[in-house]
Amino acid sequence: MRRTVTRLADGREIVYFDDTPDAPARTAADTRDLPPFHPSSEIRRDPLTDEWVAMATHRQTRTYRPPVETCPLCPSAPGRPTEIPESSYDVVVFENRFPSFSHTNGDGHGLSIVDGMEMVPRAPGDGRCEVVCFTSDHNSSFGELSVPRIRTVVDVWADRTEAMSALPYVAQVFPFENRGEEIGVTLSHPHGQIYGYPFITPRTERMLEVASSYLDKHGRPVMGDVLAAERAAGTRVVEASEYWTAFVPAAARWPVEVHVVPHRQVPDLPALTSAERDDFADLYSRVLKHLDSLYDRPLPYIAAWHQAPVREGRDLAWLHLEVFSVLRTKDKLKYLAGSESGMAVWINDVTPEAVAERLRSAG
């Protein structure tokens, strides 16, 4: 794979990853007249939950569901420059033009307090947000990628995880894909994102607490025991291979939810071996075909990588991918109403065993 790093007109970094042997050199310049890149965000800690909340008001003006002919993630064409200056690409990553977190606003302004609220600390929203375009084909999807291309994307995720982890202001790296209007996607071109958070996310903090407690009590990692039990039971397993198992978790929150877990405990994507990456690409391709066959339509979903934080909890975390959908039938959505949104108590309308059986039969 060839890696080419360059800059866009406003100074943002763009990185091309080419797996096509005869791919042209990536020398195209960004011809747009863009203002300097100076997003401004901050984080504030909620005194009632002790969780950080990000404020990024510049995102109100981000691109919203443009027509295909003005898609900013398609390759550039004569008279139509986009976020990607080249006329074609394999996989490309660039800094988000409307990031939730960015280090450009962290010029020496440290921790302070919100006016009139001494119990609410505030700080610059230092971090990094990147966009990952999986293919130049606007009408494709991750599930339609070839297995070798999925393998390339795995390497890209690992590359960017390493790069972001080296930044002193990033505490956790989160690659993810949002797919489908029902999820809230505003750009339909096949793409994902990577967040470099300036703090450890609440979900990860809680999972590490549970992992630590379980290890102290049983002497074994909780994910290892979950994986062994799911593989032994088999009723919720959707796909399995030499190095990975995909299953519907026994306490699934979402109407469609699949966890893809490596058989070996590793903290993050860079720690995967070449064989494990190859195996994941093949298995994940099959999992996505099951998902898209479930309702005989493209399934809207979020695919979220759970990785260890950059500097702590790395011996407790167990890398895994969580794929879930809000679609509970072919034409009905699950809305996060009072119990879920207000109290974080989830209520599922279907059993994990039934969903797993339907997924195995689909595709």
Protein backbone atom coordinates (compact mmCIF):
# COMPACT_ATOMS: atom_id res chain seq x y z
CA MET A 1 0.00 0.00 0.00
CA ARG A 2 1.31 3.43 -0.96
CA ARG A 3 0.81 6.33 1.46
CA THR A 4 0.91 9.96 0.23
CA VAL A 5 0.59 12.94 2.58
CA THR A 6 -0.25 16.44 1.34
CA ARG A 7 -2.30 19.52 2.28
CA LEU A 8 -5.60 21.07 1.26
CA ALA A 9 -5.98 24.76 0.40
CA ASP A 10 -6.78 25.75 3.99
CA GLY A 11 -3.87 23.81 5.47
CA ARG A 12 -5.69 20.66 6.53
CA GLU A 13 -3.83 17.37 6.09
CA ILE A 14 -4.98 14.81 3.52
CA VAL A 15 -3.53 11.30 3.20
CA TYR A 16 -4.01 9.00 0.21
CA PHE A 17 -3.77 5.22 0.69
CA ASP A 18 -3.45 3.38 -2.62
CA ASP A 19 -3.73 -0.37 -2.98
CA THR A 20 -4.11 -0.31 -6.79
CA PRO A 21 -0.70 -1.21 -8.28
CA ASP A 22 -0.86 1.34 -11.11
CA ALA A 23 -2.50 4.17 -9.14
CA PRO A 24 -1.17 7.54 -10.33
CA ALA A 25 1.03 9.74 -8.17
CA ARG A 26 -1.08 11.95 -5.90
CA THR A 27 0.11 15.38 -6.97
CA ALA A 28 -3.16 17.27 -7.65
CA ALA A 29 -3.41 20.62 -5.86
CA ASP A 30 -6.50 21.93 -4.09
CA THR A 31 -7.57 24.88 -6.25
CA ARG A 32 -10.33 26.15 -3.96
CA ASP A 33 -10.16 29.56 -2.32
CA LEU A 34 -10.80 28.49 1.26
CA PRO A 35 -10.51 30.63 4.40
CA PRO A 36 -7.88 29.60 6.96
CA PHE A 37 -8.83 26.57 9.04
CA HIS A 38 -9.60 27.87 12.55
CA PRO A 39 -12.49 25.92 14.11
CA SER A 40 -13.32 26.69 17.71
CA SER A 41 -14.69 24.21 20.24
CA GLU A 42 -14.52 23.69 23.96
CA ILE A 43 -15.37 20.98 26.48
CA ARG A 44 -17.26 21.45 29.74
CA ARG A 45 -17.61 18.91 32.56
CA ASP A 46 -21.14 18.21 33.79
CA PRO A 47 -21.07 18.43 37.61
CA LEU A 48 -23.99 15.97 37.94
CA THR A 49 -22.46 13.14 35.89
CA ASP A 50 -18.75 14.08 35.90
CA GLU A 51 -18.75 13.67 32.10
CA TRP A 52 -17.25 15.99 29.49
CA VAL A 53 -19.58 17.62 26.94
CA ALA A 54 -18.24 19.19 23.73
CA MET A 55 -19.40 22.56 22.37
CA ALA A 56 -18.65 23.06 18.66
CA THR A 57 -20.85 25.86 17.36
CA HIS A 58 -19.08 26.08 13.98
CA ARG A 59 -20.63 22.72 13.06
CA GLN A 60 -24.01 24.40 12.57
CA THR A 61 -22.83 25.44 9.10
CA ARG A 62 -21.54 22.00 7.99
CA THR A 63 -22.66 20.55 4.67
CA TYR A 64 -26.12 18.97 4.90
CA ARG A 65 -27.34 16.34 2.42
CA PRO A 66 -26.04 17.94 -0.80
CA PRO A 67 -27.14 16.63 -4.22
CA VAL A 68 -24.90 14.00 -5.79
CA GLU A 69 -23.41 16.46 -8.27
CA THR A 70 -22.02 18.59 -5.43
CA CYS A 71 -20.90 15.80 -3.09
CA PRO A 72 -17.75 17.03 -1.31
CA LEU A 73 -16.40 13.47 -0.88
CA CYS A 74 -16.38 12.53 -4.56
CA PRO A 75 -13.16 13.04 -6.53
CA SER A 76 -12.63 16.48 -8.05
CA ALA A 77 -13.65 17.05 -11.68
CA PRO A 78 -13.01 19.94 -14.08
CA GLY A 79 -14.90 22.94 -12.76
CA ARG A 80 -15.98 21.04 -9.64
CA PRO A 81 -13.29 20.91 -6.96
CA THR A 82 -14.10 18.89 -3.84
CA GLU A 83 -12.43 17.90 -0.57
CA ILE A 84 -10.36 15.39 -2.57
CA PRO A 85 -8.29 17.16 -5.28
CA GLU A 86 -7.51 13.96 -7.21
CA SER A 87 -9.75 12.70 -10.04
CA SER A 88 -9.86 9.24 -8.43
CA TYR A 89 -8.67 7.52 -5.28
CA ASP A 90 -8.64 4.19 -3.45
CA VAL A 91 -8.93 5.22 0.22
CA VAL A 92 -8.35 8.74 1.46
CA VAL A 93 -8.29 10.40 4.89
CA PHE A 94 -8.43 14.13 5.60
CA GLU A 95 -9.00 16.43 8.54
CA ASN A 96 -12.67 17.24 8.96
CA ARG A 97 -13.55 20.77 7.83
CA PHE A 98 -16.16 20.95 10.61
CA PRO A 99 -14.53 19.05 13.49
CA SER A 100 -15.97 18.44 16.92
CA PHE A 101 -12.41 18.62 18.29
CA SER A 102 -9.35 20.37 16.87
CA HIS A 103 -5.99 21.44 18.24
CA THR A 104 -5.96 24.73 16.31
CA ASN A 105 -7.82 26.41 19.18
CA GLY A 106 -5.56 25.09 21.93
CA ASP A 107 -3.06 27.94 21.98
CA GLY A 108 -2.11 28.01 25.63
CA HIS A 109 -5.63 28.29 27.05
CA GLY A 110 -5.81 25.71 29.81
CA LEU A 111 -8.50 24.69 32.25
CA SER A 112 -10.82 27.46 33.45
CA ILE A 113 -14.40 27.68 34.74
CA VAL A 114 -17.71 28.64 33.15
CA ASP A 115 -18.76 32.16 34.14
CA GLY A 116 -20.85 32.04 37.30
CA MET A 117 -20.43 28.25 37.65
CA GLU A 118 -17.30 27.41 39.60
CA MET A 119 -18.30 23.73 39.64
CA VAL A 120 -18.21 23.53 35.81
CA PRO A 121 -14.66 23.42 34.44
CA ARG A 122 -14.07 24.24 30.80
CA ALA A 123 -11.13 23.65 28.46
CA PRO A 124 -10.28 23.95 24.77
CA GLY A 125 -11.72 21.12 22.69
CA ASP A 126 -8.27 19.90 21.73
CA GLY A 127 -8.31 16.77 19.63
CA ARG A 128 -8.51 15.67 16.02
CA CYS A 129 -11.34 14.61 13.71
CA GLU A 130 -10.75 12.93 10.37
CA VAL A 131 -12.96 11.73 7.52
CA VAL A 132 -12.22 8.35 5.90
CA CYS A 133 -13.52 7.81 2.36
CA PHE A 134 -13.57 4.08 1.60
CA THR A 135 -14.02 4.39 -2.17
CA SER A 136 -14.39 7.03 -4.87
CA ASP A 137 -17.63 5.35 -6.02
CA HIS A 138 -20.44 7.50 -4.65
CA ASN A 139 -23.07 4.80 -5.13
CA SER A 140 -21.19 2.00 -3.36
CA SER A 141 -21.12 1.03 0.32
CA PHE A 142 -18.72 -0.59 2.79
CA GLY A 143 -20.55 -3.88 2.36
CA GLU A 144 -19.90 -3.79 -1.39
CA LEU A 145 -16.16 -3.31 -1.01
CA SER A 146 -13.93 -6.17 -2.05
CA VAL A 147 -12.26 -8.12 0.75
CA PRO A 148 -8.82 -6.73 -0.26
CA ARG A 149 -10.21 -3.19 -0.04
CA ILE A 150 -11.68 -3.85 3.41
CA ARG A 151 -8.22 -5.11 4.38
CA THR A 152 -6.77 -1.80 3.18
CA VAL A 153 -9.28 0.10 5.32
CA VAL A 154 -8.22 -1.94 8.36
CA ASP A 155 -4.63 -0.86 7.72
CA VAL A 156 -5.80 2.74 7.35
CA TRP A 157 -7.64 2.60 10.68
CA ALA A 158 -4.50 1.20 12.31
CA ASP A 159 -2.30 3.86 10.67
CA ARG A 160 -4.52 6.71 11.85
CA THR A 161 -4.87 5.19 15.33
CA GLU A 162 -1.08 5.21 15.66
CA ALA A 163 -0.81 8.75 14.30
CA MET A 164 -3.48 10.16 16.61
CA SER A 165 -2.19 8.24 19.61
CA ALA A 166 1.13 10.04 19.21
CA LEU A 167 -0.56 13.43 19.73
CA PRO A 168 -0.10 14.60 23.35
CA TYR A 169 -3.62 16.02 23.58
CA VAL A 170 -5.43 12.84 22.39
CA ALA A 171 -6.55 10.39 25.10
CA GLN A 172 -8.63 7.96 23.01
CA VAL A 173 -9.01 7.14 19.31
CA PHE A 174 -12.42 6.15 17.97
CA PRO A 175 -12.88 4.97 14.33
CA PHE A 176 -16.53 4.62 13.31
CA GLU A 177 -18.93 4.58 10.38
CA ASN A 178 -22.42 6.08 10.30
CA ARG A 179 -24.51 4.76 7.44
CA GLY A 180 -28.01 5.75 6.34
CA GLU A 181 -30.29 8.75 6.69
CA GLU A 182 -32.14 7.05 9.56
CA ILE A 183 -28.88 7.23 11.54
CA GLY A 184 -28.55 10.93 10.76
CA VAL A 185 -25.93 10.77 8.01
CA THR A 186 -25.73 14.06 6.10
CA LEU A 187 -23.35 12.87 3.35
CA SER A 188 -24.34 9.71 1.48
CA HIS A 189 -20.91 8.98 -0.01
CA PRO A 190 -19.41 5.83 1.63
CA HIS A 191 -17.28 7.19 4.44
CA GLY A 192 -16.48 6.95 8.12
CA GLN A 193 -14.80 9.14 10.68
CA ILE A 194 -12.09 8.93 13.31
CA TYR A 195 -12.23 10.98 16.51
CA GLY A 196 -9.21 11.70 18.66
CA TYR A 197 -10.83 12.64 21.97
CA PRO A 198 -9.08 14.83 24.56
CA PHE A 199 -10.56 12.63 27.30
CA ILE A 200 -11.57 9.01 27.85
CA THR A 201 -15.20 8.58 26.83
CA PRO A 202 -17.84 7.68 29.46
CA ARG A 203 -18.62 4.35 27.77
CA THR A 204 -14.98 3.32 27.80
CA GLU A 205 -14.47 4.44 31.39
CA ARG A 206 -17.38 2.27 32.48
CA MET A 207 -16.20 -0.75 30.48
CA LEU A 208 -12.72 -0.47 32.01
CA GLU A 209 -14.20 -0.27 35.50
CA VAL A 210 -16.20 -3.45 34.86
CA ALA A 211 -13.20 -5.20 33.30
CA SER A 212 -11.03 -4.34 36.30
CA SER A 213 -13.61 -5.53 38.82
CA TYR A 214 -14.22 -8.79 36.92
CA LEU A 215 -10.50 -9.49 36.62
CA ASP A 216 -10.00 -8.94 40.37
CA LYS A 217 -12.86 -11.30 41.17
CA HIS A 218 -12.31 -14.07 38.62
CA GLY A 219 -8.72 -13.69 37.47
CA ARG A 220 -9.81 -13.65 33.84
CA PRO A 221 -10.81 -10.91 31.35
CA VAL A 222 -14.56 -10.44 31.11
CA MET A 223 -14.57 -10.25 27.30
CA GLY A 224 -12.63 -13.51 27.13
CA ASP A 225 -15.29 -15.25 29.21
CA VAL A 226 -18.11 -13.66 27.19
CA LEU A 227 -16.49 -14.76 23.94
CA ALA A 228 -15.93 -18.32 25.17
CA ALA A 229 -19.53 -18.60 26.38
CA GLU A 230 -21.00 -17.23 23.14
CA ARG A 231 -18.89 -19.59 21.04
CA ALA A 232 -19.87 -22.56 23.21
CA ALA A 233 -23.59 -21.72 23.13
CA GLY A 234 -23.63 -20.88 19.42
CA THR A 235 -27.23 -19.64 19.47
CA ARG A 236 -26.26 -16.01 19.04
CA VAL A 237 -23.22 -16.51 16.76
CA VAL A 238 -23.69 -15.03 13.29
CA GLU A 239 -20.26 -15.76 11.75
CA ALA A 240 -17.02 -17.26 13.03
CA SER A 241 -13.53 -17.72 11.62
CA GLU A 242 -10.06 -18.68 12.80
CA TYR A 243 -9.37 -15.38 14.55
CA TRP A 244 -12.76 -13.65 14.99
CA THR A 245 -16.34 -14.33 16.08
CA ALA A 246 -19.39 -12.18 15.30
CA PHE A 247 -22.35 -12.59 17.64
CA VAL A 248 -25.46 -10.84 18.86
CA PRO A 249 -24.73 -10.04 22.54
CA ALA A 250 -26.99 -11.75 25.08
CA ALA A 251 -27.99 -8.36 26.54
CA ALA A 252 -28.30 -6.47 23.25
CA ARG A 253 -29.62 -2.94 23.53
CA TRP A 254 -30.46 -2.33 19.88
CA PRO A 255 -32.98 -4.19 17.66
CA VAL A 256 -30.05 -5.24 15.47
CA GLU A 257 -26.67 -5.46 17.21
CA VAL A 258 -23.58 -7.53 16.38
CA HIS A 259 -20.23 -7.58 18.15
CA VAL A 260 -17.18 -8.66 16.15
CA VAL A 261 -14.49 -9.80 18.57
CA PRO A 262 -10.94 -11.11 18.03
CA HIS A 263 -10.10 -14.37 19.78
CA ARG A 264 -6.90 -12.82 21.17
CA GLN A 265 -6.92 -9.94 23.64
CA VAL A 266 -5.37 -6.90 21.96
CA PRO A 267 -5.80 -3.25 23.00
CA ASP A 268 -6.27 -1.66 19.59
CA LEU A 269 -6.16 -2.04 15.81
CA PRO A 270 -2.39 -1.51 15.42
CA ALA A 271 -1.84 -4.56 17.67
CA LEU A 272 -3.56 -6.92 15.19
CA THR A 273 -1.31 -9.25 13.19
CA SER A 274 -1.43 -9.39 9.41
CA ALA A 275 -3.29 -12.71 9.58
CA GLU A 276 -5.87 -11.28 12.00
CA ARG A 277 -6.44 -8.31 9.69
CA ASP A 278 -6.88 -10.59 6.67
CA ASP A 279 -9.33 -12.75 8.58
CA PHE A 280 -11.34 -9.77 9.82
CA ALA A 281 -11.75 -8.40 6.29
CA ASP A 282 -13.23 -11.66 5.06
CA LEU A 283 -15.51 -12.20 8.07
CA TYR A 284 -16.74 -8.60 8.22
CA SER A 285 -17.65 -8.71 4.54
CA ARG A 286 -19.90 -11.68 5.30
CA VAL A 287 -21.41 -10.00 8.38
CA LEU A 288 -22.37 -6.92 6.35
CA LYS A 289 -24.06 -9.12 3.74
CA HIS A 290 -26.16 -10.69 6.50
CA LEU A 291 -27.11 -7.24 7.76
CA ASP A 292 -28.12 -5.92 4.34
CA SER A 293 -30.17 -9.05 3.67
CA LEU A 294 -32.07 -8.89 6.94
CA TYR A 295 -34.78 -6.55 5.64
CA ASP A 296 -33.89 -6.87 1.95
CA ARG A 297 -32.67 -3.26 1.94
CA PRO A 298 -29.48 -1.41 2.89
CA LEU A 299 -29.41 -1.45 6.67
CA PRO A 300 -28.73 1.89 8.39
CA TYR A 301 -26.13 1.27 11.07
CA ILE A 302 -23.32 2.58 13.22
CA ALA A 303 -20.09 0.57 13.26
CA ALA A 304 -18.02 1.57 16.29
CA TRP A 305 -14.53 0.36 17.18
CA HIS A 306 -13.90 -0.01 20.92
CA GLN A 307 -10.17 0.52 21.48
CA ALA A 308 -8.11 0.98 24.62
CA PRO A 309 -7.32 4.54 25.66
CA VAL A 310 -3.93 5.81 24.56
CA ARG A 311 -2.20 5.88 27.95
CA GLU A 312 -4.20 3.85 30.48
CA GLY A 313 -6.30 0.72 30.79
CA ARG A 314 -4.50 -0.96 27.93
CA ASP A 315 -4.08 -4.21 29.86
CA LEU A 316 -7.83 -4.31 30.58
CA ALA A 317 -9.33 -3.39 27.21
CA TRP A 318 -10.22 -5.96 24.54
CA LEU A 319 -10.55 -4.54 21.03
CA HIS A 320 -13.91 -5.19 19.37
CA LEU A 321 -16.28 -3.76 16.78
CA GLU A 322 -19.90 -3.02 17.66
CA VAL A 323 -22.35 -2.75 14.74
CA PHE A 324 -25.90 -1.71 15.55
CA SER A 325 -29.02 -0.38 13.84
CA VAL A 326 -32.09 1.61 14.88
CA LEU A 327 -34.23 -0.27 12.34
CA ARG A 328 -36.50 -2.72 14.22
CA THR A 329 -38.51 -3.81 11.16
CA LYS A 330 -38.16 -3.05 7.47
CA ASP A 331 -40.02 0.24 7.90
CA LYS A 332 -40.03 0.97 11.65
CA LEU A 333 -37.39 2.77 13.68
CA LYS A 334 -36.51 2.39 17.33
CA TYR A 335 -36.55 5.84 18.89
CA LEU A 336 -34.64 6.49 22.08
CA ALA A 337 -37.57 7.69 24.15
CA GLY A 338 -38.07 8.30 27.86
CA SER A 339 -36.39 5.26 29.42
CA GLU A 340 -33.38 5.13 27.10
CA SER A 341 -32.74 8.87 26.72
CA GLY A 342 -33.83 9.94 30.17
CA MET A 343 -32.60 7.09 32.36
CA ALA A 344 -30.21 5.10 30.11
CA VAL A 345 -32.31 1.98 30.75
CA TRP A 346 -32.66 0.12 27.47
CA ILE A 347 -35.77 -1.78 26.41
CA ASN A 348 -35.43 -4.09 23.41
CA ASP A 349 -38.46 -5.26 21.40
CA VAL A 350 -36.78 -8.45 20.13
CA THR A 351 -34.65 -11.15 21.73
CA PRO A 352 -30.98 -11.48 20.75
CA GLU A 353 -31.53 -15.16 19.95
CA ALA A 354 -34.28 -14.35 17.44
CA VAL A 355 -32.19 -11.64 15.77
CA ALA A 356 -29.18 -13.95 15.51
CA GLU A 357 -31.27 -16.67 13.87
CA ARG A 358 -32.71 -14.20 11.37
CA LEU A 359 -29.24 -12.86 10.57
CA ARG A 360 -27.82 -16.34 10.01
CA SER A 361 -30.69 -17.10 7.65
CA ALA A 362 -30.29 -13.82 5.77
CA GLY A 363 -27.81 -13.36 2.99
